[in-house]
Structures are given as structure tokens and as C-alpha cells.
Amino acid sequence: MKQADPTPRVSCVTTRVDSIIRSQIPLINVCIFDSNPLNCDLLSRAVEGSQYSLRVIDCADNSASFQHSLLGQAHVAIISSRLKDGPLAGFALLKQVSKTHASLRCVMLLERDGRDVVVEAFRLGAVGVCERNQPSEMLCKCIYCVHTGQVWINNQQLHYLLEAVSSNTPVRLTDLRGN
């Protein structure tokens, strides 16, 4: 009895069709600000290796690099809450980037999913937040979605925002040491 060929022919065609379609989709330019060069490199590789036609055009590990970055050519900026400058330096950078590049879609990469950091990220101009404990493909989908005009937020984070909006209590952001 002759055995069937185990190689799936349809997926090869699908893969070719997918790559043709992806090649016709304009690239989404991304700038990354993360805490160190290794994280920048790993994140860049993950982003560019995704299925979403993403291209990293610049990567930096501190807020001083903001002045020399290619943000003017970017569609989306990924800003880690922790930069080389300090554990919450990404928030100051987000505020600065949001003011100087109003059309740029910013995503805050968070160390933890706490009420104060989520609310502060959106207050400073983020249109999406993503936690570091998520798979890299989730971040790539986040980049794609915010580029298309969507807001990237999970249900718990949305509750944080709704609570902040409905209360008159100002948010006070502190680092892990309470500063």
C-alpha cells in the first residue's frame, strides 16, 4: 500500500501567497527605546521577524538619544518604562515624544501591570501598553494595531483607566522604592 506524502502542499502555497501579500503591504517603521543594548537588539529581532511587516529604524537605550533618533520617520515608538537613565525614565521620554511628535503612535512597554503605571502611560500620550511578560508576537500585534488606529489595552488595564477617570484622586507615580 502506498503511503500519502506527509508534506502539506497547501501550506506551501499559503506561505508563498502570504509572503507576496506581505511584500505588498507598506512597512511599519518602528523606533525602540529600551533599557540596554541587548534588550534593544533582542526586541528589534523579534519585531522584524514577525508577520506584521515591521521594520525597526532606530533603537536607543536612553532618553538623550531621543534628539538624534529617527522618530520623524517612524510610525510607532516602543518606549520601555525603564531606560538606562532610570527605572521610570521612559515616562519622561513618553511625555516629551508625545509633545514633539503628535502623530507618532506610542506604546509603553511596562515592567509590571499596576494601576498607577498604566494610567500614567495613557495620561502621558501612550495609545497602547504592553507588559514585558507577554510573548513577543503579542507586542508585534500591538504595534500593528496601534498603527491602524486602535488602542491596545487589556480588560484589567481598561478598568484601571475607568477607575481613574471616575475618581478625583490624582495618580502619584513612584518607583519600586517608593520614590
Foldseek 3Di string as FASTA:
>chain_A
DDDDDPDDPVVVVVVVVLVVVLVPDAAAEEEEEAADPVVQVVLQVLLCPASQRYHYPYYYQALVCVVVDPQVPGQEYEFECHGVVGNRRSLVSLLVCCVVPVRHAYEYEYQDDDLLVLQSNVVSPHQEYHYPVDDSNVVNVCSNQVSVPHRHDDPVSVVSNVVPVPDPDDRDDDPPVRD
